[in-house]
Amino acid sequence: MRRGIAAIALVSALAVSATACGGDDGGDTGKKSSGELSGTVTWWDTSTVGSEDKVFKKIAEDFTKKHPKVTVKYVNVPFGEAQNKFKNAAQSGSGAPDVIRSEVAWTPEFADLGYLAPLDGTAALKDEDDFLKQAAASTKYNGKTYAAPQVIDSMGIFYNKKIFKEAGVEVPKTIDELKTVSATIKDKTGKTGLYLRGDDAYWFLSFLYGEGGDLVDAKNKTITVDNESGVKAMKVVKDLVTSGAAKTDATDGWNNMQTAFKEGKVAMMINGPWAVADTYAGPEFTDKANLGVAPVPAGSAGQGAPQGGHNLAVYAGSKNLDASYAFTEYMTSAETQAQVAKELNLLPTRTSVYSQPGVASNEIVGFFRPVVDKAVERPWIPETGSLFAPLVTEYTKVLTGQTTPEKGAKAAGDAYRKLLKDWK
């Protein structure tokens, strides 16, 4: 699944209509005269290699059991590359997949560029009313639906129960408690309390929301990342590193963080349900019961965590639209979502799935469901996916001492005003 919102350079793109773009599979319409689906559906999956991808690949290819004349071409595209890779392929009219696993913030951007087929009235939105309201919100743009929600998520503190027991500490509920707990862990065990991912601004959002801030105010078209709350959030993360409560990095943050936590070198990390499968593969969590999950410690304004997740969207230039709609429905169906929840601990986007056997009793799903219900939605505007590139630059510089929290927040705000030219 997600390894975070990668810092991706902005690229210009020209909107292309469905009639102007060609898919990968020649002129196959995807339907025989009998109405039976056929042809090829190419799916770009962005899930984590080595854990999630194996499950999603098998599920995707099992689509052929329902539609034996359809071939599913599974392609795993690294998450950090997928956004621009899809835009470049769609713009050129060559090499785009029929279906893409789109991070929630990408969906309105792709729709605005004309790269996605509207799904209203198609097989892709079967039982549409069953989708969680907050999950469906990111699929809408200009009154139309451009994707089907696949998984929804948020973030929490993952902690090593054995280290906590050895240090004699409780799970921190506030930032101040986090610093105290980390100091005790260092004193009693010699280990660092928290690994704070420093090369991805998605990990900054819980602190920003915890101080009452946000990236922008979409309703009033106002930049807010550099206001008082934004500066305070930058000070909070910087202080965690300076005080020794947390260690950080400037590159390869996902692998560094996961390795340190899985090997018991740090006691805590901030992460989401997408990281559970990989975390269980670590030597510290051979006994899965050693993994604890709790809400991200609250800031001065309260506890805040971002709403994330992934949608499945159909390329407007696909030459196999009917099969692509059916594949999208299959991959977001209640049956498939229940399987994904059981095998990968990922949260369903359909209300009905939460009461199913094996899902209702899933400890990880049970923890994150109320977190998701209270999570802060990002603004569903075309530019949302592009807001992270300038923010991660400044976030990393603040954490590594290359700039001050005040200057970092201001630089991010200035970059936003260049991107959103008519905003205040």
Protein backbone atom coordinates (compact mmCIF):
# COMPACT_ATOMS: atom_id res chain seq x y z
CA MET A 1 0.00 0.00 0.00
CA ARG A 2 1.03 3.55 0.57
CA ARG A 3 4.60 4.28 1.57
CA GLY A 4 3.55 7.88 2.01
CA ILE A 5 2.91 10.85 -0.20
CA ALA A 6 6.21 11.04 -2.06
CA ALA A 7 7.77 14.36 -2.96
CA ILE A 8 6.95 14.51 -6.64
CA ALA A 9 8.02 17.32 -8.94
CA LEU A 10 5.17 19.17 -10.61
CA VAL A 11 4.72 18.37 -14.27
CA SER A 12 2.58 20.13 -16.83
CA ALA A 13 -0.11 18.04 -18.43
CA LEU A 14 -2.63 18.59 -21.17
CA ALA A 15 -6.15 17.25 -20.75
CA VAL A 16 -7.02 14.56 -23.24
CA SER A 17 -10.47 13.32 -24.12
CA ALA A 18 -11.36 9.66 -24.23
CA THR A 19 -11.56 9.73 -27.99
CA ALA A 20 -8.07 11.16 -28.30
CA CYS A 21 -6.31 8.60 -26.10
CA GLY A 22 -5.49 5.01 -26.88
CA GLY A 23 -5.20 2.21 -24.36
CA ASP A 24 -2.70 -0.64 -24.37
CA ASP A 25 -4.82 -3.28 -25.97
CA GLY A 26 -5.53 -2.31 -29.53
CA GLY A 27 -9.10 -1.99 -30.69
CA ASP A 28 -10.68 -4.65 -28.48
CA THR A 29 -13.97 -3.29 -27.16
CA GLY A 30 -14.02 -5.84 -24.34
CA LYS A 31 -17.39 -7.31 -25.30
CA LYS A 32 -18.40 -10.01 -27.73
CA SER A 33 -21.71 -9.80 -29.57
CA SER A 34 -23.18 -12.09 -26.90
CA GLY A 35 -22.40 -9.48 -24.24
CA GLU A 36 -19.71 -11.63 -22.63
CA LEU A 37 -16.67 -9.69 -21.44
CA SER A 38 -13.35 -10.40 -23.13
CA GLY A 39 -9.99 -8.81 -23.92
CA THR A 40 -7.30 -7.53 -21.56
CA VAL A 41 -7.52 -5.28 -18.51
CA THR A 42 -4.19 -3.78 -17.44
CA TRP A 43 -4.14 -2.79 -13.77
CA TRP A 44 -1.49 -0.62 -12.15
CA ASP A 45 -1.28 -1.56 -8.48
CA THR A 46 0.76 0.62 -6.11
CA SER A 47 0.74 -1.61 -3.04
CA THR A 48 3.82 -2.57 -1.00
CA VAL A 49 6.09 -5.05 -2.74
CA GLY A 50 6.82 -8.19 -0.76
CA SER A 51 3.65 -8.21 1.31
CA GLU A 52 0.54 -6.53 -0.07
CA ASP A 53 1.32 -6.99 -3.77
CA LYS A 54 1.15 -10.78 -3.58
CA VAL A 55 -2.37 -10.68 -2.19
CA PHE A 56 -3.63 -8.04 -4.62
CA LYS A 57 -2.09 -9.83 -7.61
CA LYS A 58 -3.84 -13.09 -6.79
CA ILE A 59 -7.16 -11.38 -6.14
CA ALA A 60 -6.92 -9.42 -9.38
CA GLU A 61 -6.09 -12.48 -11.44
CA ASP A 62 -8.98 -14.37 -9.84
CA PHE A 63 -11.26 -11.98 -11.73
CA THR A 64 -10.86 -14.38 -14.64
CA LYS A 65 -12.79 -17.04 -12.70
CA LYS A 66 -15.85 -14.84 -13.14
CA HIS A 67 -14.91 -13.70 -16.64
CA PRO A 68 -12.77 -16.41 -18.25
CA LYS A 69 -12.39 -14.57 -21.56
CA VAL A 70 -10.78 -11.55 -19.88
CA THR A 71 -7.03 -11.46 -19.26
CA VAL A 72 -5.84 -9.38 -16.30
CA LYS A 73 -2.40 -7.86 -16.75
CA TYR A 74 -1.13 -7.03 -13.27
CA VAL A 75 1.62 -4.38 -13.00
CA ASN A 76 3.02 -3.20 -9.68
CA VAL A 77 4.17 0.42 -10.03
CA PRO A 78 6.15 1.96 -7.13
CA PHE A 79 3.87 4.34 -5.28
CA GLY A 80 6.30 7.25 -5.50
CA GLU A 81 6.43 6.97 -9.29
CA ALA A 82 2.82 6.15 -10.15
CA GLN A 83 1.28 9.65 -10.07
CA ASN A 84 3.59 11.19 -12.65
CA LYS A 85 3.96 7.97 -14.64
CA PHE A 86 0.20 7.82 -15.16
CA LYS A 87 -0.04 11.50 -16.10
CA ASN A 88 2.78 11.19 -18.61
CA ALA A 89 1.26 8.06 -20.18
CA ALA A 90 -2.22 9.58 -20.35
CA GLN A 91 -0.89 12.83 -21.80
CA SER A 92 1.02 11.03 -24.54
CA GLY A 93 -1.86 8.65 -25.23
CA SER A 94 0.44 5.64 -24.93
CA GLY A 95 1.10 3.15 -22.15
CA ALA A 96 -1.59 4.12 -19.65
CA PRO A 97 -3.33 1.24 -17.83
CA ASP A 98 -7.04 0.52 -18.10
CA VAL A 99 -7.39 0.79 -14.31
CA ILE A 100 -5.12 2.52 -11.78
CA ARG A 101 -4.98 2.32 -8.01
CA SER A 102 -5.13 6.03 -7.27
CA GLU A 103 -4.20 7.58 -3.94
CA VAL A 104 -7.22 9.55 -2.79
CA ALA A 105 -5.61 12.94 -3.49
CA TRP A 106 -4.71 11.96 -7.06
CA THR A 107 -8.29 11.22 -8.11
CA PRO A 108 -9.57 14.82 -8.43
CA GLU A 109 -6.34 15.82 -10.17
CA PHE A 110 -6.60 13.05 -12.77
CA ALA A 111 -10.28 13.85 -13.27
CA ASP A 112 -9.55 17.56 -13.75
CA LEU A 113 -7.00 16.70 -16.43
CA GLY A 114 -9.58 14.62 -18.31
CA TYR A 115 -7.74 11.34 -17.78
CA LEU A 116 -10.50 9.41 -15.99
CA ALA A 117 -13.79 7.98 -17.22
CA PRO A 118 -16.87 8.97 -15.17
CA LEU A 119 -18.26 5.90 -13.43
CA ASP A 120 -21.81 7.10 -12.79
CA GLY A 121 -24.30 4.64 -14.23
CA THR A 122 -21.65 1.95 -14.87
CA ALA A 123 -21.08 -1.47 -13.31
CA ALA A 124 -18.14 -0.02 -11.37
CA LEU A 125 -20.44 1.63 -8.81
CA LYS A 126 -22.62 -1.34 -7.93
CA ASP A 127 -24.15 -0.91 -4.46
CA GLU A 128 -22.77 2.63 -4.31
CA ASP A 129 -24.77 3.48 -1.18
CA ASP A 130 -22.76 0.91 0.78
CA PHE A 131 -19.56 3.01 0.55
CA LEU A 132 -18.55 4.97 3.64
CA LYS A 133 -19.42 8.63 3.15
CA GLN A 134 -15.90 9.84 3.91
CA ALA A 135 -14.39 7.24 1.54
CA ALA A 136 -16.67 8.27 -1.32
CA ALA A 137 -15.89 11.97 -0.86
CA SER A 138 -12.54 11.75 -2.64
CA THR A 139 -14.08 10.09 -5.70
CA LYS A 140 -16.26 13.06 -6.63
CA TYR A 141 -15.30 15.94 -8.88
CA ASN A 142 -17.53 18.57 -10.49
CA GLY A 143 -20.66 16.58 -9.75
CA LYS A 144 -19.44 13.27 -11.21
CA THR A 145 -17.88 10.13 -9.74
CA TYR A 146 -14.47 9.22 -11.11
CA ALA A 147 -13.40 6.31 -8.92
CA ALA A 148 -14.59 3.57 -6.57
CA PRO A 149 -13.11 3.54 -3.03
CA GLN A 150 -10.92 0.48 -2.43
CA VAL A 151 -9.41 1.01 1.05
CA ILE A 152 -9.51 3.81 3.60
CA ASP A 153 -6.95 4.49 6.29
CA SER A 154 -5.45 6.84 8.84
CA MET A 155 -2.45 6.81 11.16
CA GLY A 156 -1.59 5.73 14.69
CA ILE A 157 1.38 5.02 16.94
CA PHE A 158 2.79 1.52 16.51
CA TYR A 159 4.68 0.43 19.63
CA ASN A 160 6.75 -2.52 20.80
CA LYS A 161 5.06 -3.95 23.88
CA LYS A 162 8.20 -5.75 25.12
CA ILE A 163 10.24 -2.55 25.10
CA PHE A 164 7.44 -0.67 26.85
CA LYS A 165 7.27 -3.37 29.52
CA GLU A 166 11.04 -3.34 30.00
CA ALA A 167 11.02 0.44 30.40
CA GLY A 168 7.95 0.39 32.61
CA VAL A 169 6.07 3.01 30.59
CA GLU A 170 2.54 3.51 29.32
CA VAL A 171 1.47 4.53 25.84
CA PRO A 172 1.76 8.34 25.49
CA LYS A 173 -1.46 10.23 24.85
CA THR A 174 0.04 13.69 24.32
CA ILE A 175 3.20 15.14 22.78
CA ASP A 176 4.53 16.01 26.23
CA GLU A 177 3.97 12.42 27.37
CA LEU A 178 5.69 11.19 24.21
CA LYS A 179 8.84 13.11 25.15
CA THR A 180 8.75 11.82 28.73
CA VAL A 181 8.14 8.22 27.67
CA SER A 182 10.92 8.41 25.08
CA ALA A 183 13.38 9.73 27.69
CA THR A 184 12.50 6.88 30.05
CA ILE A 185 12.89 4.29 27.28
CA LYS A 186 16.32 5.70 26.45
CA ASP A 187 17.36 5.67 30.09
CA LYS A 188 16.09 2.15 30.83
CA THR A 189 16.84 0.35 27.54
CA GLY A 190 19.28 2.54 25.60
CA LYS A 191 16.85 2.60 22.67
CA THR A 192 15.29 5.58 20.90
CA GLY A 193 11.65 6.21 21.63
CA LEU A 194 10.26 7.24 18.23
CA TYR A 195 11.33 6.92 14.62
CA LEU A 196 9.86 9.94 12.83
CA ARG A 197 9.88 9.59 9.07
CA GLY A 198 11.55 12.70 7.75
CA ASP A 199 11.33 12.42 3.98
CA ASP A 200 7.55 12.39 3.59
CA ALA A 201 5.21 15.20 4.58
CA TYR A 202 2.25 12.87 5.06
CA TRP A 203 3.89 11.99 8.38
CA PHE A 204 3.74 15.68 9.31
CA LEU A 205 -0.05 15.95 9.00
CA SER A 206 -0.90 14.42 12.37
CA PHE A 207 1.21 17.10 14.05
CA LEU A 208 -0.25 19.87 11.87
CA TYR A 209 -3.81 18.80 12.66
CA GLY A 210 -2.89 18.28 16.31
CA GLU A 211 -2.00 21.97 16.54
CA GLY A 212 -5.26 22.98 14.88
CA GLY A 213 -3.70 23.65 11.49
CA ASP A 214 -4.30 22.50 7.92
CA LEU A 215 -2.67 22.78 4.51
CA VAL A 216 -5.29 25.08 3.03
CA ASP A 217 -8.82 26.29 3.64
CA ALA A 218 -10.46 25.19 0.38
CA LYS A 219 -13.83 26.77 1.16
CA ASN A 220 -12.33 30.24 1.55
CA LYS A 221 -9.45 29.68 -0.89
CA THR A 222 -6.88 30.55 1.76
CA ILE A 223 -3.38 29.18 2.36
CA THR A 224 -3.06 28.10 5.99
CA VAL A 225 0.08 25.93 6.14
CA ASP A 226 2.20 28.92 7.24
CA ASN A 227 -0.14 30.40 9.83
CA GLU A 228 0.52 30.28 13.59
CA SER A 229 -0.64 26.66 13.86
CA GLY A 230 1.55 25.58 10.95
CA VAL A 231 4.63 27.18 12.51
CA LYS A 232 3.83 25.60 15.87
CA ALA A 233 3.55 22.15 14.27
CA MET A 234 6.97 22.60 12.68
CA LYS A 235 8.36 23.53 16.10
CA VAL A 236 6.82 20.41 17.64
CA VAL A 237 8.44 17.98 15.20
CA LYS A 238 11.75 19.79 15.36
CA ASP A 239 11.71 19.65 19.16
CA LEU A 240 11.06 15.89 19.12
CA VAL A 241 14.27 15.39 17.16
CA THR A 242 16.35 18.00 19.01
CA SER A 243 15.31 16.65 22.40
CA GLY A 244 16.30 13.11 21.43
CA ALA A 245 12.75 11.79 21.73
CA ALA A 246 12.84 10.88 18.05
CA LYS A 247 15.35 10.05 15.35
CA THR A 248 14.73 10.94 11.73
CA ASP A 249 16.16 10.73 8.22
CA ALA A 250 16.35 12.70 5.01
CA THR A 251 16.23 9.82 2.53
CA ASP A 252 14.74 6.31 2.25
CA GLY A 253 12.60 7.01 5.26
CA TRP A 254 10.16 4.14 4.80
CA ASN A 255 12.78 1.40 4.75
CA ASN A 256 14.84 2.99 7.52
CA MET A 257 11.81 3.39 9.75
CA GLN A 258 10.42 -0.09 9.11
CA THR A 259 13.78 -1.77 9.61
CA ALA A 260 14.51 0.07 12.86
CA PHE A 261 11.09 -0.77 14.28
CA LYS A 262 10.99 -4.39 13.10
CA GLU A 263 14.43 -5.04 14.58
CA GLY A 264 13.57 -3.46 17.94
CA LYS A 265 15.99 -0.54 17.61
CA VAL A 266 13.20 1.97 18.27
CA ALA A 267 10.13 1.57 20.45
CA MET A 268 7.59 3.50 18.36
CA MET A 269 6.75 4.71 14.89
CA ILE A 270 3.83 6.54 13.34
CA ASN A 271 2.22 4.46 10.62
CA GLY A 272 -1.02 3.12 9.21
CA PRO A 273 -2.76 -0.21 8.52
CA TRP A 274 -0.86 -0.53 5.23
CA ALA A 275 2.30 -1.18 7.29
CA VAL A 276 0.95 -4.02 9.43
CA ALA A 277 1.72 -6.90 7.03
CA ASP A 278 5.32 -5.75 6.57
CA THR A 279 5.76 -5.08 10.29
CA TYR A 280 4.64 -8.60 11.21
CA ALA A 281 7.48 -9.91 9.01
CA GLY A 282 10.07 -8.41 11.38
CA PRO A 283 11.91 -10.48 14.01
CA GLU A 284 10.42 -8.43 16.86
CA PHE A 285 6.91 -9.34 15.78
CA THR A 286 7.11 -13.06 15.14
CA ASP A 287 4.65 -13.00 18.00
CA LYS A 288 2.07 -10.65 16.49
CA ALA A 289 0.76 -9.85 19.96
CA ASN A 290 3.91 -7.79 20.58
CA LEU A 291 2.62 -5.08 18.22
CA GLY A 292 0.58 -2.41 19.92
CA VAL A 293 -1.36 0.33 18.13
CA ALA A 294 -2.69 3.52 19.71
CA PRO A 295 -3.84 6.99 18.57
CA VAL A 296 -1.17 9.48 17.52
CA PRO A 297 -0.37 11.59 20.63
CA ALA A 298 -2.44 14.76 20.76
CA GLY A 299 -1.06 18.21 20.18
CA SER A 300 -2.16 21.39 21.92
CA ALA A 301 -5.41 21.48 19.92
CA GLY A 302 -6.21 17.78 20.24
CA GLN A 303 -5.61 14.49 18.49
CA GLY A 304 -5.41 14.68 14.70
CA ALA A 305 -4.79 12.12 11.99
CA PRO A 306 -5.16 12.39 8.21
CA GLN A 307 -7.67 10.47 6.14
CA GLY A 308 -5.94 8.44 3.48
CA GLY A 309 -6.71 5.53 1.25
CA HIS A 310 -6.88 4.38 -2.33
CA ASN A 311 -9.46 4.40 -5.08
CA LEU A 312 -9.72 2.44 -8.32
CA ALA A 313 -10.13 4.67 -11.36
CA VAL A 314 -10.67 3.81 -15.02
CA TYR A 315 -8.58 5.50 -17.70
CA ALA A 316 -10.72 7.56 -20.06
CA GLY A 317 -8.74 6.30 -23.06
CA SER A 318 -9.20 2.61 -22.27
CA LYS A 319 -10.37 0.55 -25.23
CA ASN A 320 -11.84 -2.03 -22.90
CA LEU A 321 -14.16 0.09 -20.78
CA ASP A 322 -16.84 -2.51 -20.04
CA ALA A 323 -14.32 -5.03 -18.73
CA SER A 324 -12.54 -2.24 -16.80
CA TYR A 325 -15.79 -1.20 -15.11
CA ALA A 326 -16.48 -4.81 -14.15
CA PHE A 327 -12.94 -5.26 -12.82
CA THR A 328 -13.26 -2.10 -10.72
CA GLU A 329 -16.53 -3.36 -9.25
CA TYR A 330 -14.97 -6.74 -8.47
CA MET A 331 -11.92 -5.25 -6.77
CA THR A 332 -14.06 -2.95 -4.58
CA SER A 333 -16.86 -5.44 -3.90
CA ALA A 334 -17.82 -6.45 -0.36
CA GLU A 335 -16.49 -9.97 -0.97
CA THR A 336 -13.08 -8.74 -2.13
CA GLN A 337 -12.80 -6.11 0.58
CA ALA A 338 -13.52 -8.72 3.26
CA GLN A 339 -10.71 -10.89 1.88
CA VAL A 340 -8.30 -7.93 1.85
CA ALA A 341 -9.22 -7.00 5.43
CA LYS A 342 -8.64 -10.54 6.66
CA GLU A 343 -5.33 -11.07 4.85
CA LEU A 344 -3.79 -7.59 5.04
CA ASN A 345 -5.60 -5.81 7.91
CA LEU A 346 -6.64 -3.02 5.53
CA LEU A 347 -9.83 -1.11 6.22
CA PRO A 348 -12.84 -1.67 3.96
CA THR A 349 -14.66 1.23 2.32
CA ARG A 350 -18.01 -0.56 2.45
CA THR A 351 -20.12 -0.34 5.61
CA SER A 352 -21.45 -3.88 5.23
CA VAL A 353 -17.99 -5.48 5.39
CA TYR A 354 -17.28 -4.39 8.96
CA SER A 355 -19.85 -6.81 10.36
CA GLN A 356 -18.60 -9.83 8.41
CA PRO A 357 -16.91 -12.76 10.22
CA GLY A 358 -13.15 -12.35 10.29
CA VAL A 359 -13.44 -8.60 9.82
CA ALA A 360 -15.52 -7.70 12.87
CA SER A 361 -13.02 -9.56 15.06
CA ASN A 362 -9.89 -8.12 13.39
CA GLU A 363 -7.98 -6.18 16.06
CA ILE A 364 -6.22 -3.80 13.64
CA VAL A 365 -9.39 -3.03 11.71
CA GLY A 366 -11.22 -2.55 14.98
CA PHE A 367 -8.65 -0.02 16.18
CA PHE A 368 -8.46 2.03 13.01
CA ARG A 369 -12.21 2.19 12.27
CA PRO A 370 -12.96 4.88 14.91
CA VAL A 371 -9.70 6.65 14.00
CA VAL A 372 -10.85 6.83 10.39
CA ASP A 373 -14.26 8.09 11.44
CA LYS A 374 -12.59 11.08 13.15
CA ALA A 375 -9.78 11.57 10.64
CA VAL A 376 -9.28 14.93 8.94
CA GLU A 377 -10.13 14.97 5.25
CA ARG A 378 -7.73 16.61 2.90
CA PRO A 379 -9.20 19.17 0.49
CA TRP A 380 -10.47 17.29 -2.56
CA ILE A 381 -9.16 19.79 -5.11
CA PRO A 382 -7.07 18.98 -8.21
CA GLU A 383 -3.95 20.47 -6.63
CA THR A 384 -4.05 18.48 -3.38
CA GLY A 385 -1.60 15.86 -4.62
CA SER A 386 0.84 18.61 -5.58
CA LEU A 387 0.80 20.28 -2.16
CA PHE A 388 3.18 17.71 -0.70
CA ALA A 389 6.18 18.39 -2.92
CA PRO A 390 7.04 21.83 -1.49
CA LEU A 391 5.95 20.81 2.01
CA VAL A 392 8.21 17.77 2.21
CA THR A 393 11.18 19.89 1.13
CA GLU A 394 10.66 22.28 4.04
CA TYR A 395 9.63 19.57 6.52
CA THR A 396 12.85 17.67 5.86
CA LYS A 397 14.94 20.84 6.11
CA VAL A 398 13.36 21.72 9.46
CA LEU A 399 13.91 18.25 10.90
CA THR A 400 17.54 18.14 9.75
CA GLY A 401 18.37 21.66 10.93
CA GLN A 402 18.77 23.23 7.50
CA THR A 403 16.12 25.85 8.21
CA THR A 404 13.97 27.11 11.08
CA PRO A 405 10.33 26.16 11.66
CA GLU A 406 9.28 29.75 10.88
CA LYS A 407 11.21 29.90 7.61
CA GLY A 408 10.15 26.39 6.63
CA ALA A 409 6.45 27.12 7.09
CA LYS A 410 6.74 30.42 5.21
CA ALA A 411 8.57 28.80 2.29
CA ALA A 412 5.86 26.14 2.02
CA GLY A 413 3.16 28.81 2.08
CA ASP A 414 4.91 30.86 -0.59
CA ALA A 415 5.13 27.76 -2.80
CA TYR A 416 1.41 27.11 -2.31
CA ARG A 417 0.57 30.66 -3.41
CA LYS A 418 2.50 30.13 -6.63
CA LEU A 419 0.60 26.91 -7.22
CA LEU A 420 -2.83 28.27 -6.24
CA LYS A 421 -2.53 31.66 -7.92
CA ASP A 422 -5.98 33.03 -7.06
CA TRP A 423 -5.81 32.02 -3.38
CA LYS A 424 -4.95 34.27 -0.45
